[in-house]
PDB file of all heavy atoms in Angstrom:
ATOM      1  N   PRO A   1     -64.168 -27.223  14.520  1.00  0.00           N
ATOM      2  CA  PRO A   1     -64.498 -28.337  13.626  1.00  0.00           C
ATOM      3  C   PRO A   1     -66.000 -28.639  13.642  1.00  0.00           C
ATOM      4  O   PRO A   1     -66.670 -28.506  14.670  1.00  0.00           O
ATOM      5  CB  PRO A   1     -63.706 -29.505  14.205  1.00  0.00           C
ATOM      6  CG  PRO A   1     -62.596 -28.867  14.968  1.00  0.00           C
ATOM      7  CD  PRO A   1     -63.154 -27.591  15.518  1.00  0.00           C
ATOM      8  N   ARG A   2     -66.511 -29.042  12.504  1.00  0.00           N
ATOM      9  CA  ARG A   2     -67.901 -29.444  12.376  1.00  0.00           C
ATOM     10  C   ARG A   2     -67.963 -30.965  12.421  1.00  0.00           C
ATOM     11  O   ARG A   2     -67.333 -31.651  11.621  1.00  0.00           O
ATOM     12  CB  ARG A   2     -68.480 -28.936  11.059  1.00  0.00           C
ATOM     13  CG  ARG A   2     -69.830 -29.552  10.655  1.00  0.00           C
ATOM     14  CD  ARG A   2     -70.930 -29.177  11.626  1.00  0.00           C
ATOM     15  NE  ARG A   2     -72.116 -29.993  11.424  1.00  0.00           N
ATOM     16  CZ  ARG A   2     -73.286 -29.507  11.033  1.00  0.00           C
ATOM     17  NH1 ARG A   2     -73.415 -28.222  10.759  1.00  0.00           N
ATOM     18  NH2 ARG A   2     -74.331 -30.302  10.912  1.00  0.00           N
ATOM     19  N   VAL A   3     -68.730 -31.512  13.366  1.00  0.00           N
ATOM     20  CA  VAL A   3     -68.851 -32.953  13.537  1.00  0.00           C
ATOM     21  C   VAL A   3     -70.266 -33.391  13.210  1.00  0.00           C
ATOM     22  O   VAL A   3     -71.237 -32.788  13.682  1.00  0.00           O
ATOM     23  CB  VAL A   3     -68.488 -33.384  14.969  1.00  0.00           C
ATOM     24  CG1 VAL A   3     -68.830 -34.865  15.194  1.00  0.00           C
ATOM     25  CG2 VAL A   3     -67.004 -33.149  15.234  1.00  0.00           C
ATOM     26  N   ASP A   4     -70.388 -34.422  12.394  1.00  0.00           N
ATOM     27  CA  ASP A   4     -71.684 -35.030  12.082  1.00  0.00           C
ATOM     28  C   ASP A   4     -71.617 -36.516  12.412  1.00  0.00           C
ATOM     29  O   ASP A   4     -70.740 -37.228  11.912  1.00  0.00           O
ATOM     30  CB  ASP A   4     -72.019 -34.849  10.599  1.00  0.00           C
ATOM     31  CG  ASP A   4     -72.222 -33.387  10.224  1.00  0.00           C
ATOM     32  OD1 ASP A   4     -73.269 -32.841  10.569  1.00  0.00           O
ATOM     33  OD2 ASP A   4     -71.310 -32.825   9.592  1.00  0.00           O
ATOM     34  N   LEU A   5     -72.526 -36.972  13.259  1.00  0.00           N
ATOM     35  CA  LEU A   5     -72.656 -38.399  13.570  1.00  0.00           C
ATOM     36  C   LEU A   5     -73.707 -38.972  12.629  1.00  0.00           C
ATOM     37  O   LEU A   5     -74.902 -38.801  12.835  1.00  0.00           O
ATOM     38  CB  LEU A   5     -73.071 -38.604  15.027  1.00  0.00           C
ATOM     39  CG  LEU A   5     -72.139 -38.039  16.100  1.00  0.00           C
ATOM     40  CD1 LEU A   5     -72.708 -38.304  17.496  1.00  0.00           C
ATOM     41  CD2 LEU A   5     -70.732 -38.621  15.979  1.00  0.00           C
ATOM     42  N   LEU A   6     -73.253 -39.617  11.568  1.00  0.00           N
ATOM     43  CA  LEU A   6     -74.163 -40.143  10.565  1.00  0.00           C
ATOM     44  C   LEU A   6     -74.403 -41.631  10.775  1.00  0.00           C
ATOM     45  O   LEU A   6     -73.498 -42.369  11.167  1.00  0.00           O
ATOM     46  CB  LEU A   6     -73.594 -39.955   9.149  1.00  0.00           C
ATOM     47  CG  LEU A   6     -73.275 -38.544   8.681  1.00  0.00           C
ATOM     48  CD1 LEU A   6     -72.916 -38.569   7.205  1.00  0.00           C
ATOM     49  CD2 LEU A   6     -74.443 -37.596   8.928  1.00  0.00           C
ATOM     50  N   GLN A   7     -75.619 -42.067  10.487  1.00  0.00           N
ATOM     51  CA  GLN A   7     -75.850 -43.509  10.464  1.00  0.00           C
ATOM     52  C   GLN A   7     -75.118 -44.110   9.266  1.00  0.00           C
ATOM     53  O   GLN A   7     -74.889 -43.441   8.244  1.00  0.00           O
ATOM     54  CB  GLN A   7     -77.345 -43.817  10.405  1.00  0.00           C
ATOM     55  CG  GLN A   7     -78.024 -43.469   9.105  1.00  0.00           C
ATOM     56  CD  GLN A   7     -79.052 -44.518   8.682  1.00  0.00           C
ATOM     57  OE1 GLN A   7     -78.953 -45.694   9.044  1.00  0.00           O
ATOM     58  NE2 GLN A   7     -80.035 -44.101   7.912  1.00  0.00           N
ATOM     59  N   GLY A   8     -74.757 -45.366   9.374  1.00  0.00           N
ATOM     60  CA  GLY A   8     -73.961 -46.009   8.333  1.00  0.00           C
ATOM     61  C   GLY A   8     -74.641 -46.087   6.990  1.00  0.00           C
ATOM     62  O   GLY A   8     -73.981 -46.216   5.954  1.00  0.00           O
ATOM     63  N   TYR A   9     -75.987 -46.013   6.975  1.00  0.00           N
ATOM     64  CA  TYR A   9     -76.730 -46.041   5.720  1.00  0.00           C
ATOM     65  C   TYR A   9     -77.310 -44.671   5.396  1.00  0.00           C
ATOM     66  O   TYR A   9     -78.309 -44.562   4.689  1.00  0.00           O
ATOM     67  CB  TYR A   9     -77.851 -47.086   5.791  1.00  0.00           C
ATOM     68  CG  TYR A   9     -77.346 -48.487   6.005  1.00  0.00           C
ATOM     69  CD1 TYR A   9     -77.571 -49.158   7.197  1.00  0.00           C
ATOM     70  CD2 TYR A   9     -76.634 -49.145   5.003  1.00  0.00           C
ATOM     71  CE1 TYR A   9     -77.103 -50.450   7.397  1.00  0.00           C
ATOM     72  CE2 TYR A   9     -76.162 -50.434   5.195  1.00  0.00           C
ATOM     73  CZ  TYR A   9     -76.408 -51.083   6.394  1.00  0.00           C
ATOM     74  OH  TYR A   9     -75.938 -52.360   6.579  1.00  0.00           O
ATOM     75  N   ASP A  10     -76.683 -43.623   5.910  1.00  0.00           N
ATOM     76  CA  ASP A  10     -77.178 -42.277   5.648  1.00  0.00           C
ATOM     77  C   ASP A  10     -77.174 -41.997   4.142  1.00  0.00           C
ATOM     78  O   ASP A  10     -76.345 -42.517   3.385  1.00  0.00           O
ATOM     79  CB  ASP A  10     -76.298 -41.253   6.364  1.00  0.00           C
ATOM     80  CG  ASP A  10     -76.932 -39.864   6.376  1.00  0.00           C
ATOM     81  OD1 ASP A  10     -77.685 -39.577   7.316  1.00  0.00           O
ATOM     82  OD2 ASP A  10     -76.672 -39.090   5.430  1.00  0.00           O
ATOM     83  N   GLU A  11     -78.092 -41.131   3.718  1.00  0.00           N
ATOM     84  CA  GLU A  11     -78.149 -40.773   2.299  1.00  0.00           C
ATOM     85  C   GLU A  11     -76.871 -40.078   1.832  1.00  0.00           C
ATOM     86  O   GLU A  11     -76.540 -40.117   0.644  1.00  0.00           O
ATOM     87  CB  GLU A  11     -79.363 -39.893   2.031  1.00  0.00           C
ATOM     88  CG  GLU A  11     -80.681 -40.629   2.133  1.00  0.00           C
ATOM     89  CD  GLU A  11     -80.774 -41.800   1.162  1.00  0.00           C
ATOM     90  OE1 GLU A  11     -80.618 -41.577  -0.061  1.00  0.00           O
ATOM     91  OE2 GLU A  11     -80.990 -42.937   1.614  1.00  0.00           O
ATOM     92  N   MET A  12     -76.126 -39.457   2.732  1.00  0.00           N
ATOM     93  CA  MET A  12     -74.852 -38.856   2.359  1.00  0.00           C
ATOM     94  C   MET A  12     -73.860 -39.929   1.915  1.00  0.00           C
ATOM     95  O   MET A  12     -72.908 -39.644   1.187  1.00  0.00           O
ATOM     96  CB  MET A  12     -74.293 -38.063   3.551  1.00  0.00           C
ATOM     97  CG  MET A  12     -73.068 -37.223   3.241  1.00  0.00           C
ATOM     98  SD  MET A  12     -73.388 -35.927   2.031  1.00  0.00           S
ATOM     99  CE  MET A  12     -71.702 -35.451   1.618  1.00  0.00           C
ATOM    100  N   ILE A  13     -74.106 -41.153   2.318  1.00  0.00           N
ATOM    101  CA  ILE A  13     -73.253 -42.277   1.949  1.00  0.00           C
ATOM    102  C   ILE A  13     -73.896 -43.091   0.832  1.00  0.00           C
ATOM    103  O   ILE A  13     -73.271 -43.383  -0.190  1.00  0.00           O
ATOM    104  CB  ILE A  13     -72.996 -43.176   3.176  1.00  0.00           C
ATOM    105  CG1 ILE A  13     -72.276 -42.381   4.274  1.00  0.00           C
ATOM    106  CG2 ILE A  13     -72.201 -44.415   2.796  1.00  0.00           C
ATOM    107  CD1 ILE A  13     -72.341 -43.023   5.641  1.00  0.00           C
ATOM    108  N   MET A  14     -75.167 -43.447   0.983  1.00  0.00           N
ATOM    109  CA  MET A  14     -75.795 -44.417   0.098  1.00  0.00           C
ATOM    110  C   MET A  14     -76.310 -43.815  -1.202  1.00  0.00           C
ATOM    111  O   MET A  14     -76.683 -44.556  -2.114  1.00  0.00           O
ATOM    112  CB  MET A  14     -76.947 -45.114   0.828  1.00  0.00           C
ATOM    113  CG  MET A  14     -76.525 -45.792   2.124  1.00  0.00           C
ATOM    114  SD  MET A  14     -75.081 -46.889   1.973  1.00  0.00           S
ATOM    115  CE  MET A  14     -75.696 -48.125   0.824  1.00  0.00           C
ATOM    116  N   SER A  15     -76.336 -42.500  -1.316  1.00  0.00           N
ATOM    117  CA  SER A  15     -76.852 -41.872  -2.537  1.00  0.00           C
ATOM    118  C   SER A  15     -75.854 -41.897  -3.678  1.00  0.00           C
ATOM    119  O   SER A  15     -76.208 -41.528  -4.808  1.00  0.00           O
ATOM    120  CB  SER A  15     -77.239 -40.412  -2.257  1.00  0.00           C
ATOM    121  OG  SER A  15     -78.297 -40.324  -1.341  1.00  0.00           O
ATOM    122  N   TYR A  16     -74.602 -42.286  -3.419  1.00  0.00           N
ATOM    123  CA  TYR A  16     -73.535 -42.088  -4.400  1.00  0.00           C
ATOM    124  C   TYR A  16     -72.741 -43.371  -4.627  1.00  0.00           C
ATOM    125  O   TYR A  16     -71.664 -43.556  -4.077  1.00  0.00           O
ATOM    126  CB  TYR A  16     -72.602 -40.965  -3.930  1.00  0.00           C
ATOM    127  CG  TYR A  16     -73.350 -39.732  -3.493  1.00  0.00           C
ATOM    128  CD1 TYR A  16     -73.497 -39.425  -2.140  1.00  0.00           C
ATOM    129  CD2 TYR A  16     -73.920 -38.884  -4.430  1.00  0.00           C
ATOM    130  CE1 TYR A  16     -74.186 -38.302  -1.742  1.00  0.00           C
ATOM    131  CE2 TYR A  16     -74.621 -37.746  -4.027  1.00  0.00           C
ATOM    132  CZ  TYR A  16     -74.751 -37.470  -2.683  1.00  0.00           C
ATOM    133  OH  TYR A  16     -75.446 -36.348  -2.285  1.00  0.00           O
ATOM    134  N   SER A  17     -73.262 -44.256  -5.437  1.00  0.00           N
ATOM    135  CA  SER A  17     -72.558 -45.513  -5.678  1.00  0.00           C
ATOM    136  C   SER A  17     -71.279 -45.310  -6.473  1.00  0.00           C
ATOM    137  O   SER A  17     -70.312 -46.057  -6.310  1.00  0.00           O
ATOM    138  CB  SER A  17     -73.475 -46.486  -6.434  1.00  0.00           C
ATOM    139  OG  SER A  17     -73.927 -45.920  -7.654  1.00  0.00           O
ATOM    140  N   GLN A  18     -71.235 -44.268  -7.318  1.00  0.00           N
ATOM    141  CA  GLN A  18     -70.040 -44.016  -8.123  1.00  0.00           C
ATOM    142  C   GLN A  18     -69.095 -43.025  -7.466  1.00  0.00           C
ATOM    143  O   GLN A  18     -67.883 -43.152  -7.590  1.00  0.00           O
ATOM    144  CB  GLN A  18     -70.423 -43.494  -9.514  1.00  0.00           C
ATOM    145  CG  GLN A  18     -69.214 -43.244 -10.424  1.00  0.00           C
ATOM    146  CD  GLN A  18     -69.618 -42.829 -11.829  1.00  0.00           C
ATOM    147  OE1 GLN A  18     -70.708 -42.314 -12.041  1.00  0.00           O
ATOM    148  NE2 GLN A  18     -68.743 -43.085 -12.799  1.00  0.00           N
ATOM    149  N   SER A  19     -69.624 -42.057  -6.754  1.00  0.00           N
ATOM    150  CA  SER A  19     -68.783 -40.939  -6.301  1.00  0.00           C
ATOM    151  C   SER A  19     -68.814 -40.768  -4.789  1.00  0.00           C
ATOM    152  O   SER A  19     -68.827 -39.669  -4.273  1.00  0.00           O
ATOM    153  CB  SER A  19     -69.232 -39.647  -6.984  1.00  0.00           C
ATOM    154  OG  SER A  19     -70.605 -39.382  -6.731  1.00  0.00           O
ATOM    155  N   ARG A  20     -68.790 -41.909  -4.069  1.00  0.00           N
ATOM    156  CA  ARG A  20     -68.823 -41.865  -2.611  1.00  0.00           C
ATOM    157  C   ARG A  20     -67.525 -41.334  -2.016  1.00  0.00           C
ATOM    158  O   ARG A  20     -67.466 -40.936  -0.857  1.00  0.00           O
ATOM    159  CB  ARG A  20     -69.113 -43.267  -2.081  1.00  0.00           C
ATOM    160  CG  ARG A  20     -69.460 -43.343  -0.609  1.00  0.00           C
ATOM    161  CD  ARG A  20     -69.925 -44.742  -0.257  1.00  0.00           C
ATOM    162  NE  ARG A  20     -71.184 -45.044  -0.906  1.00  0.00           N
ATOM    163  CZ  ARG A  20     -71.578 -46.273  -1.235  1.00  0.00           C
ATOM    164  NH1 ARG A  20     -70.789 -47.306  -0.996  1.00  0.00           N
ATOM    165  NH2 ARG A  20     -72.739 -46.475  -1.820  1.00  0.00           N
ATOM    166  N   ALA A  21     -66.450 -41.308  -2.795  1.00  0.00           N
ATOM    167  CA  ALA A  21     -65.144 -40.901  -2.274  1.00  0.00           C
ATOM    168  C   ALA A  21     -65.116 -39.465  -1.786  1.00  0.00           C
ATOM    169  O   ALA A  21     -64.149 -39.052  -1.149  1.00  0.00           O
ATOM    170  CB  ALA A  21     -64.068 -41.104  -3.340  1.00  0.00           C
ATOM    171  N   ALA A  22     -66.152 -38.695  -2.057  1.00  0.00           N
ATOM    172  CA  ALA A  22     -66.166 -37.288  -1.642  1.00  0.00           C
ATOM    173  C   ALA A  22     -65.996 -37.122  -0.143  1.00  0.00           C
ATOM    174  O   ALA A  22     -65.465 -36.106   0.317  1.00  0.00           O
ATOM    175  CB  ALA A  22     -67.456 -36.617  -2.093  1.00  0.00           C
ATOM    176  N   ILE A  23     -66.438 -38.094   0.669  1.00  0.00           N
ATOM    177  CA  ILE A  23     -66.316 -37.943   2.122  1.00  0.00           C
ATOM    178  C   ILE A  23     -65.186 -38.787   2.698  1.00  0.00           C
ATOM    179  O   ILE A  23     -65.018 -38.824   3.919  1.00  0.00           O
ATOM    180  CB  ILE A  23     -67.631 -38.290   2.843  1.00  0.00           C
ATOM    181  CG1 ILE A  23     -67.991 -39.769   2.639  1.00  0.00           C
ATOM    182  CG2 ILE A  23     -68.753 -37.356   2.420  1.00  0.00           C
ATOM    183  CD1 ILE A  23     -69.084 -40.254   3.573  1.00  0.00           C
ATOM    184  N   LEU A  24     -64.427 -39.466   1.853  1.00  0.00           N
ATOM    185  CA  LEU A  24     -63.364 -40.322   2.366  1.00  0.00           C
ATOM    186  C   LEU A  24     -62.062 -39.548   2.503  1.00  0.00           C
ATOM    187  O   LEU A  24     -61.805 -38.608   1.750  1.00  0.00           O
ATOM    188  CB  LEU A  24     -63.159 -41.519   1.444  1.00  0.00           C
ATOM    189  CG  LEU A  24     -64.369 -42.436   1.248  1.00  0.00           C
ATOM    190  CD1 LEU A  24     -63.980 -43.629   0.399  1.00  0.00           C
ATOM    191  CD2 LEU A  24     -64.943 -42.896   2.578  1.00  0.00           C
ATOM    192  N   PRO A  25     -61.210 -39.939   3.445  1.00  0.00           N
ATOM    193  CA  PRO A  25     -59.913 -39.283   3.568  1.00  0.00           C
ATOM    194  C   PRO A  25     -59.122 -39.394   2.275  1.00  0.00           C
ATOM    195  O   PRO A  25     -59.315 -40.324   1.490  1.00  0.00           O
ATOM    196  CB  PRO A  25     -59.234 -40.056   4.707  1.00  0.00           C
ATOM    197  CG  PRO A  25     -60.343 -40.719   5.456  1.00  0.00           C
ATOM    198  CD  PRO A  25     -61.413 -40.996   4.443  1.00  0.00           C
ATOM    199  N   GLY A  26     -58.237 -38.447   2.012  1.00  0.00           N
ATOM    200  CA  GLY A  26     -57.447 -38.442   0.785  1.00  0.00           C
ATOM    201  C   GLY A  26     -56.772 -39.772   0.543  1.00  0.00           C
ATOM    202  O   GLY A  26     -56.153 -40.349   1.439  1.00  0.00           O
ATOM    203  N   GLY A  27     -56.923 -40.272  -0.685  1.00  0.00           N
ATOM    204  CA  GLY A  27     -56.298 -41.532  -1.050  1.00  0.00           C
ATOM    205  C   GLY A  27     -57.163 -42.745  -0.821  1.00  0.00           C
ATOM    206  O   GLY A  27     -56.849 -43.822  -1.315  1.00  0.00           O
ATOM    207  N   SER A  28     -58.285 -42.607  -0.059  1.00  0.00           N
ATOM    208  CA  SER A  28     -59.157 -43.751   0.169  1.00  0.00           C
ATOM    209  C   SER A  28     -59.968 -44.040  -1.080  1.00  0.00           C
ATOM    210  O   SER A  28     -60.243 -43.151  -1.875  1.00  0.00           O
ATOM    211  CB  SER A  28     -60.104 -43.483   1.341  1.00  0.00           C
ATOM    212  OG  SER A  28     -59.384 -43.327   2.542  1.00  0.00           O
ATOM    213  N   LYS A  29     -60.363 -45.267  -1.250  1.00  0.00           N
ATOM    214  CA  LYS A  29     -61.193 -45.675  -2.366  1.00  0.00           C
ATOM    215  C   LYS A  29     -62.570 -46.067  -1.856  1.00  0.00           C
ATOM    216  O   LYS A  29     -62.704 -46.743  -0.839  1.00  0.00           O
ATOM    217  CB  LYS A  29     -60.569 -46.875  -3.102  1.00  0.00           C
ATOM    218  CG  LYS A  29     -59.182 -46.580  -3.680  1.00  0.00           C
ATOM    219  CD  LYS A  29     -59.247 -45.524  -4.775  1.00  0.00           C
ATOM    220  CE  LYS A  29     -57.873 -45.321  -5.405  1.00  0.00           C
ATOM    221  NZ  LYS A  29     -57.894 -44.261  -6.436  1.00  0.00           N
ATOM    222  N   ALA A  30     -63.594 -45.618  -2.569  1.00  0.00           N
ATOM    223  CA  ALA A  30     -64.957 -45.977  -2.181  1.00  0.00           C
ATOM    224  C   ALA A  30     -65.224 -47.431  -2.524  1.00  0.00           C
ATOM    225  O   ALA A  30     -64.795 -47.932  -3.554  1.00  0.00           O
ATOM    226  CB  ALA A  30     -65.960 -45.084  -2.896  1.00  0.00           C
ATOM    227  N   THR A  31     -65.945 -48.129  -1.659  1.00  0.00           N
ATOM    228  CA  THR A  31     -66.369 -49.496  -1.905  1.00  0.00           C
ATOM    229  C   THR A  31     -67.881 -49.532  -1.785  1.00  0.00           C
ATOM    230  O   THR A  31     -68.543 -48.517  -1.889  1.00  0.00           O
ATOM    231  CB  THR A  31     -65.740 -50.447  -0.872  1.00  0.00           C
ATOM    232  OG1 THR A  31     -66.208 -50.077   0.445  1.00  0.00           O
ATOM    233  CG2 THR A  31     -64.228 -50.366  -0.898  1.00  0.00           C
TER     234      THR A  31
END
């Protein structure tokens, strides 16, 4: 498994206000 410890405001999270669900578990909704 590949593990990444990201900060909560990482660009992988904050760059995508519309499509943040890409990293969420199946069925989760981005907020």
